[in-house]
Amino acid sequence: MTLIRDELIEAEARAMMRAAIEKSGWYSSLQGIARQRRIEKDIDLHWHLMLPQARERLEQRNGGGA
């Protein structure tokens, strides 16, 4: 199994959370910077929920998937 640095896993989890939030249409009533700030806050609060998926995705990219 390939060792993946925690920072890479966190970055991937944050990117996945951003994609999920933006795809979901959350905060569609907010525009511009207000929406981006709210999304950033949610990413900071909830990125850890994507950790298992982020680790799996990175392992698969590196050829170490189960």
PDB file of N, CA and C in Angstrom:
ATOM      1  N   MET A   1       0.842  -1.172   0.000  1.00  0.00           N
ATOM      2  CA  MET A   1       0.000   0.000   0.000  1.00  0.00           C
ATOM      3  C   MET A   1       0.894   1.244   0.000  1.00  0.00           C
ATOM      4  N   THR A   2       0.536   2.216  -0.792  1.00  0.00           N
ATOM      5  CA  THR A   2       1.279   3.454  -0.903  1.00  0.00           C
ATOM      6  C   THR A   2       0.945   4.375   0.255  1.00  0.00           C
ATOM      7  N   LEU A   3       1.982   4.964   0.843  1.00  0.00           N
ATOM      8  CA  LEU A   3       1.751   5.947   1.897  1.00  0.00           C
ATOM      9  C   LEU A   3       1.345   7.264   1.259  1.00  0.00           C
ATOM     10  N   ILE A   4       0.282   7.828   1.752  1.00  0.00           N
ATOM     11  CA  ILE A   4      -0.206   9.110   1.236  1.00  0.00           C
ATOM     12  C   ILE A   4      -0.177  10.096   2.395  1.00  0.00           C
ATOM     13  N   ARG A   5       0.456  11.228   2.167  1.00  0.00           N
ATOM     14  CA  ARG A   5       0.584  12.232   3.224  1.00  0.00           C
ATOM     15  C   ARG A   5      -0.783  12.771   3.633  1.00  0.00           C
ATOM     16  N   ASP A   6      -0.899  13.059   4.913  1.00  0.00           N
ATOM     17  CA  ASP A   6      -2.149  13.587   5.460  1.00  0.00           C
ATOM     18  C   ASP A   6      -2.596  14.859   4.748  1.00  0.00           C
ATOM     19  N   GLU A   7      -1.626  15.705   4.392  1.00  0.00           N
ATOM     20  CA  GLU A   7      -1.956  16.968   3.730  1.00  0.00           C
ATOM     21  C   GLU A   7      -2.626  16.721   2.366  1.00  0.00           C
ATOM     22  N   LEU A   8      -2.175  15.691   1.672  1.00  0.00           N
ATOM     23  CA  LEU A   8      -2.781  15.360   0.378  1.00  0.00           C
ATOM     24  C   LEU A   8      -4.200  14.820   0.551  1.00  0.00           C
ATOM     25  N   ILE A   9      -4.375  14.025   1.577  1.00  0.00           N
ATOM     26  CA  ILE A   9      -5.711  13.481   1.839  1.00  0.00           C
ATOM     27  C   ILE A   9      -6.664  14.604   2.222  1.00  0.00           C
ATOM     28  N   GLU A  10      -6.200  15.514   3.078  1.00  0.00           N
ATOM     29  CA  GLU A  10      -7.041  16.642   3.462  1.00  0.00           C
ATOM     30  C   GLU A  10      -7.393  17.501   2.252  1.00  0.00           C
ATOM     31  N   ALA A  11      -6.418  17.794   1.412  1.00  0.00           N
ATOM     32  CA  ALA A  11      -6.672  18.609   0.221  1.00  0.00           C
ATOM     33  C   ALA A  11      -7.693  17.936  -0.693  1.00  0.00           C
ATOM     34  N   GLU A  12      -7.563  16.638  -0.863  1.00  0.00           N
ATOM     35  CA  GLU A  12      -8.517  15.898  -1.704  1.00  0.00           C
ATOM     36  C   GLU A  12      -9.906  15.908  -1.070  1.00  0.00           C
ATOM     37  N   ALA A  13      -9.978  15.714   0.246  1.00  0.00           N
ATOM     38  CA  ALA A  13     -11.265  15.731   0.945  1.00  0.00           C
ATOM     39  C   ALA A  13     -11.935  17.096   0.823  1.00  0.00           C
ATOM     40  N   ARG A  14     -11.159  18.154   0.944  1.00  0.00           N
ATOM     41  CA  ARG A  14     -11.702  19.506   0.803  1.00  0.00           C
ATOM     42  C   ARG A  14     -12.214  19.742  -0.619  1.00  0.00           C
ATOM     43  N   ALA A  15     -11.452  19.285  -1.609  1.00  0.00           N
ATOM     44  CA  ALA A  15     -11.884  19.443  -3.000  1.00  0.00           C
ATOM     45  C   ALA A  15     -13.164  18.659  -3.262  1.00  0.00           C
ATOM     46  N   MET A  16     -13.249  17.471  -2.702  1.00  0.00           N
ATOM     47  CA  MET A  16     -14.451  16.658  -2.881  1.00  0.00           C
ATOM     48  C   MET A  16     -15.655  17.307  -2.201  1.00  0.00           C
ATOM     49  N   MET A  17     -15.445  17.877  -1.014  1.00  0.00           N
ATOM     50  CA  MET A  17     -16.539  18.553  -0.307  1.00  0.00           C
ATOM     51  C   MET A  17     -16.994  19.772  -1.098  1.00  0.00           C
ATOM     52  N   ARG A  18     -16.055  20.540  -1.645  1.00  0.00           N
ATOM     53  CA  ARG A  18     -16.407  21.709  -2.453  1.00  0.00           C
ATOM     54  C   ARG A  18     -17.252  21.275  -3.655  1.00  0.00           C
ATOM     55  N   ALA A  19     -16.813  20.237  -4.332  1.00  0.00           N
ATOM     56  CA  ALA A  19     -17.543  19.754  -5.510  1.00  0.00           C
ATOM     57  C   ALA A  19     -18.950  19.311  -5.133  1.00  0.00           C
ATOM     58  N   ALA A  20     -19.077  18.625  -4.007  1.00  0.00           N
ATOM     59  CA  ALA A  20     -20.395  18.162  -3.570  1.00  0.00           C
ATOM     60  C   ALA A  20     -21.317  19.334  -3.247  1.00  0.00           C
ATOM     61  N   ILE A  21     -20.792  20.330  -2.548  1.00  0.00           N
ATOM     62  CA  ILE A  21     -21.606  21.496  -2.185  1.00  0.00           C
ATOM     63  C   ILE A  21     -22.021  22.271  -3.438  1.00  0.00           C
ATOM     64  N   GLU A  22     -21.057  22.516  -4.314  1.00  0.00           N
ATOM     65  CA  GLU A  22     -21.371  23.291  -5.516  1.00  0.00           C
ATOM     66  C   GLU A  22     -22.347  22.548  -6.422  1.00  0.00           C
ATOM     67  N   LYS A  23     -22.205  21.251  -6.517  1.00  0.00           N
ATOM     68  CA  LYS A  23     -23.112  20.445  -7.349  1.00  0.00           C
ATOM     69  C   LYS A  23     -24.516  20.402  -6.750  1.00  0.00           C
ATOM     70  N   SER A  24     -24.597  20.450  -5.439  1.00  0.00           N
ATOM     71  CA  SER A  24     -25.885  20.315  -4.759  1.00  0.00           C
ATOM     72  C   SER A  24     -26.797  21.520  -4.954  1.00  0.00           C
ATOM     73  N   GLY A  25     -26.213  22.661  -5.276  1.00  0.00           N
ATOM     74  CA  GLY A  25     -27.023  23.860  -5.420  1.00  0.00           C
ATOM     75  C   GLY A  25     -27.331  24.543  -4.095  1.00  0.00           C
ATOM     76  N   TRP A  26     -26.651  24.137  -3.031  1.00  0.00           N
ATOM     77  CA  TRP A  26     -26.853  24.790  -1.747  1.00  0.00           C
ATOM     78  C   TRP A  26     -26.554  26.274  -1.882  1.00  0.00           C
ATOM     79  N   TYR A  27     -27.260  27.047  -1.137  1.00  0.00           N
ATOM     80  CA  TYR A  27     -27.058  28.490  -1.069  1.00  0.00           C
ATOM     81  C   TYR A  27     -27.293  29.177  -2.407  1.00  0.00           C
ATOM     82  N   SER A  28     -28.219  28.645  -3.177  1.00  0.00           N
ATOM     83  CA  SER A  28     -28.509  29.254  -4.476  1.00  0.00           C
ATOM     84  C   SER A  28     -29.094  30.660  -4.329  1.00  0.00           C
ATOM     85  N   SER A  29     -29.639  30.969  -3.154  1.00  0.00           N
ATOM     86  CA  SER A  29     -30.172  32.308  -2.931  1.00  0.00           C
ATOM     87  C   SER A  29     -29.062  33.331  -2.677  1.00  0.00           C
ATOM     88  N   LEU A  30     -27.851  32.844  -2.363  1.00  0.00           N
ATOM     89  CA  LEU A  30     -26.720  33.743  -2.155  1.00  0.00           C
ATOM     90  C   LEU A  30     -25.963  33.906  -3.463  1.00  0.00           C
ATOM     91  N   GLN A  31     -25.354  35.034  -3.621  1.00  0.00           N
ATOM     92  CA  GLN A  31     -24.604  35.314  -4.841  1.00  0.00           C
ATOM     93  C   GLN A  31     -23.180  35.747  -4.503  1.00  0.00           C
ATOM     94  N   GLY A  32     -22.275  35.537  -5.431  1.00  0.00           N
ATOM     95  CA  GLY A  32     -20.921  36.057  -5.352  1.00  0.00           C
ATOM     96  C   GLY A  32     -20.165  35.688  -4.104  1.00  0.00           C
ATOM     97  N   ILE A  33     -19.561  36.706  -3.513  1.00  0.00           N
ATOM     98  CA  ILE A  33     -18.670  36.499  -2.384  1.00  0.00           C
ATOM     99  C   ILE A  33     -19.399  35.934  -1.169  1.00  0.00           C
ATOM    100  N   ALA A  34     -20.647  36.298  -0.970  1.00  0.00           N
ATOM    101  CA  ALA A  34     -21.410  35.772   0.175  1.00  0.00           C
ATOM    102  C   ALA A  34     -21.566  34.257   0.052  1.00  0.00           C
ATOM    103  N   ARG A  35     -21.858  33.787  -1.145  1.00  0.00           N
ATOM    104  CA  ARG A  35     -22.005  32.343  -1.375  1.00  0.00           C
ATOM    105  C   ARG A  35     -20.666  31.644  -1.192  1.00  0.00           C
ATOM    106  N   GLN A  36     -19.605  32.215  -1.740  1.00  0.00           N
ATOM    107  CA  GLN A  36     -18.285  31.605  -1.618  1.00  0.00           C
ATOM    108  C   GLN A  36     -17.838  31.530  -0.158  1.00  0.00           C
ATOM    109  N   ARG A  37     -18.107  32.567   0.618  1.00  0.00           N
ATOM    110  CA  ARG A  37     -17.746  32.551   2.043  1.00  0.00           C
ATOM    111  C   ARG A  37     -18.504  31.460   2.782  1.00  0.00           C
ATOM    112  N   ARG A  38     -19.779  31.308   2.461  1.00  0.00           N
ATOM    113  CA  ARG A  38     -20.584  30.271   3.123  1.00  0.00           C
ATOM    114  C   ARG A  38     -20.085  28.876   2.751  1.00  0.00           C
ATOM    115  N   ILE A  39     -19.746  28.693   1.486  1.00  0.00           N
ATOM    116  CA  ILE A  39     -19.212  27.407   1.043  1.00  0.00           C
ATOM    117  C   ILE A  39     -17.883  27.124   1.738  1.00  0.00           C
ATOM    118  N   GLU A  40     -17.012  28.114   1.820  1.00  0.00           N
ATOM    119  CA  GLU A  40     -15.721  27.938   2.495  1.00  0.00           C
ATOM    120  C   GLU A  40     -15.921  27.548   3.960  1.00  0.00           C
ATOM    121  N   LYS A  41     -16.882  28.182   4.616  1.00  0.00           N
ATOM    122  CA  LYS A  41     -17.169  27.852   6.015  1.00  0.00           C
ATOM    123  C   LYS A  41     -17.619  26.401   6.138  1.00  0.00           C
ATOM    124  N   ASP A  42     -18.498  25.975   5.248  1.00  0.00           N
ATOM    125  CA  ASP A  42     -18.962  24.588   5.285  1.00  0.00           C
ATOM    126  C   ASP A  42     -17.831  23.607   4.996  1.00  0.00           C
ATOM    127  N   ILE A  43     -16.965  23.956   4.069  1.00  0.00           N
ATOM    128  CA  ILE A  43     -15.815  23.093   3.784  1.00  0.00           C
ATOM    129  C   ILE A  43     -14.950  22.960   5.029  1.00  0.00           C
ATOM    130  N   ASP A  44     -14.666  24.087   5.700  1.00  0.00           N
ATOM    131  CA  ASP A  44     -13.855  24.053   6.918  1.00  0.00           C
ATOM    132  C   ASP A  44     -14.499  23.200   8.010  1.00  0.00           C
ATOM    133  N   LEU A  45     -15.814  23.241   8.093  1.00  0.00           N
ATOM    134  CA  LEU A  45     -16.523  22.493   9.130  1.00  0.00           C
ATOM    135  C   LEU A  45     -16.696  21.005   8.824  1.00  0.00           C
ATOM    136  N   HIS A  46     -16.814  20.652   7.543  1.00  0.00           N
ATOM    137  CA  HIS A  46     -17.249  19.291   7.201  1.00  0.00           C
ATOM    138  C   HIS A  46     -16.327  18.483   6.311  1.00  0.00           C
ATOM    139  N   TRP A  47     -15.141  19.007   5.955  1.00  0.00           N
ATOM    140  CA  TRP A  47     -14.270  18.283   5.035  1.00  0.00           C
ATOM    141  C   TRP A  47     -13.922  16.890   5.540  1.00  0.00           C
ATOM    142  N   HIS A  48     -13.835  16.746   6.854  1.00  0.00           N
ATOM    143  CA  HIS A  48     -13.455  15.454   7.430  1.00  0.00           C
ATOM    144  C   HIS A  48     -14.427  14.333   7.075  1.00  0.00           C
ATOM    145  N   LEU A  49     -15.657  14.689   6.701  1.00  0.00           N
ATOM    146  CA  LEU A  49     -16.634  13.662   6.319  1.00  0.00           C
ATOM    147  C   LEU A  49     -16.244  12.955   5.024  1.00  0.00           C
ATOM    148  N   MET A  50     -15.385  13.581   4.242  1.00  0.00           N
ATOM    149  CA  MET A  50     -14.946  13.014   2.969  1.00  0.00           C
ATOM    150  C   MET A  50     -13.625  12.242   3.086  1.00  0.00           C
ATOM    151  N   LEU A  51     -13.083  12.126   4.285  1.00  0.00           N
ATOM    152  CA  LEU A  51     -11.779  11.479   4.437  1.00  0.00           C
ATOM    153  C   LEU A  51     -11.721  10.062   3.870  1.00  0.00           C
ATOM    154  N   PRO A  52     -12.659   9.194   4.195  1.00  0.00           N
ATOM    155  CA  PRO A  52     -12.548   7.827   3.653  1.00  0.00           C
ATOM    156  C   PRO A  52     -12.556   7.788   2.121  1.00  0.00           C
ATOM    157  N   GLN A  53     -13.441   8.574   1.508  1.00  0.00           N
ATOM    158  CA  GLN A  53     -13.516   8.602   0.050  1.00  0.00           C
ATOM    159  C   GLN A  53     -12.256   9.222  -0.556  1.00  0.00           C
ATOM    160  N   ALA A  54     -11.738  10.252   0.092  1.00  0.00           N
ATOM    161  CA  ALA A  54     -10.530  10.911  -0.413  1.00  0.00           C
ATOM    162  C   ALA A  54      -9.341   9.956  -0.362  1.00  0.00           C
ATOM    163  N   ARG A  55      -9.194   9.252   0.745  1.00  0.00           N
ATOM    164  CA  ARG A  55      -8.089   8.296   0.868  1.00  0.00           C
ATOM    165  C   ARG A  55      -8.209   7.214  -0.200  1.00  0.00           C
ATOM    166  N   GLU A  56      -9.410   6.690  -0.374  1.00  0.00           N
ATOM    167  CA  GLU A  56      -9.634   5.640  -1.374  1.00  0.00           C
ATOM    168  C   GLU A  56      -9.307   6.150  -2.785  1.00  0.00           C
ATOM    169  N   ARG A  57      -9.771   7.341  -3.101  1.00  0.00           N
ATOM    170  CA  ARG A  57      -9.519   7.912  -4.429  1.00  0.00           C
ATOM    171  C   ARG A  57      -8.018   8.076  -4.680  1.00  0.00           C
ATOM    172  N   LEU A  58      -7.301   8.582  -3.688  1.00  0.00           N
ATOM    173  CA  LEU A  58      -5.863   8.768  -3.851  1.00  0.00           C
ATOM    174  C   LEU A  58      -5.129   7.431  -3.962  1.00  0.00           C
ATOM    175  N   GLU A  59      -5.559   6.447  -3.186  1.00  0.00           N
ATOM    176  CA  GLU A  59      -4.946   5.126  -3.279  1.00  0.00           C
ATOM    177  C   GLU A  59      -5.171   4.517  -4.662  1.00  0.00           C
ATOM    178  N   GLN A  60      -6.364   4.683  -5.194  1.00  0.00           N
ATOM    179  CA  GLN A  60      -6.648   4.161  -6.533  1.00  0.00           C
ATOM    180  C   GLN A  60      -5.807   4.867  -7.595  1.00  0.00           C
ATOM    181  N   ARG A  61      -5.643   6.163  -7.460  1.00  0.00           N
ATOM    182  CA  ARG A  61      -4.791   6.909  -8.400  1.00  0.00           C
ATOM    183  C   ARG A  61      -3.355   6.446  -8.364  1.00  0.00           C
ATOM    184  N   ASN A  62      -2.905   6.073  -7.168  1.00  0.00           N
ATOM    185  CA  ASN A  62      -1.523   5.649  -6.992  1.00  0.00           C
ATOM    186  C   ASN A  62      -1.342   4.150  -7.199  1.00  0.00           C
ATOM    187  N   GLY A  63      -2.382   3.466  -7.610  1.00  0.00           N
ATOM    188  CA  GLY A  63      -2.281   2.047  -7.882  1.00  0.00           C
ATOM    189  C   GLY A  63      -2.258   1.179  -6.646  1.00  0.00           C
ATOM    190  N   GLY A  64      -2.636   1.734  -5.517  1.00  0.00           N
ATOM    191  CA  GLY A  64      -2.609   0.963  -4.267  1.00  0.00           C
ATOM    192  C   GLY A  64      -3.975   0.612  -3.749  1.00  0.00           C
ATOM    193  N   GLY A  65      -4.999   0.756  -4.592  1.00  0.00           N
ATOM    194  CA  GLY A  65      -6.356   0.454  -4.162  1.00  0.00           C
ATOM    195  C   GLY A  65      -6.532  -1.011  -3.877  1.00  0.00           C
ATOM    196  N   ALA A  66      -7.439  -1.329  -2.969  1.00  0.00           N
ATOM    197  CA  ALA A  66      -7.659  -2.714  -2.556  1.00  0.00           C
ATOM    198  C   ALA A  66      -8.359  -3.519  -3.613  1.00  0.00           C
TER     199      ALA A  66
END
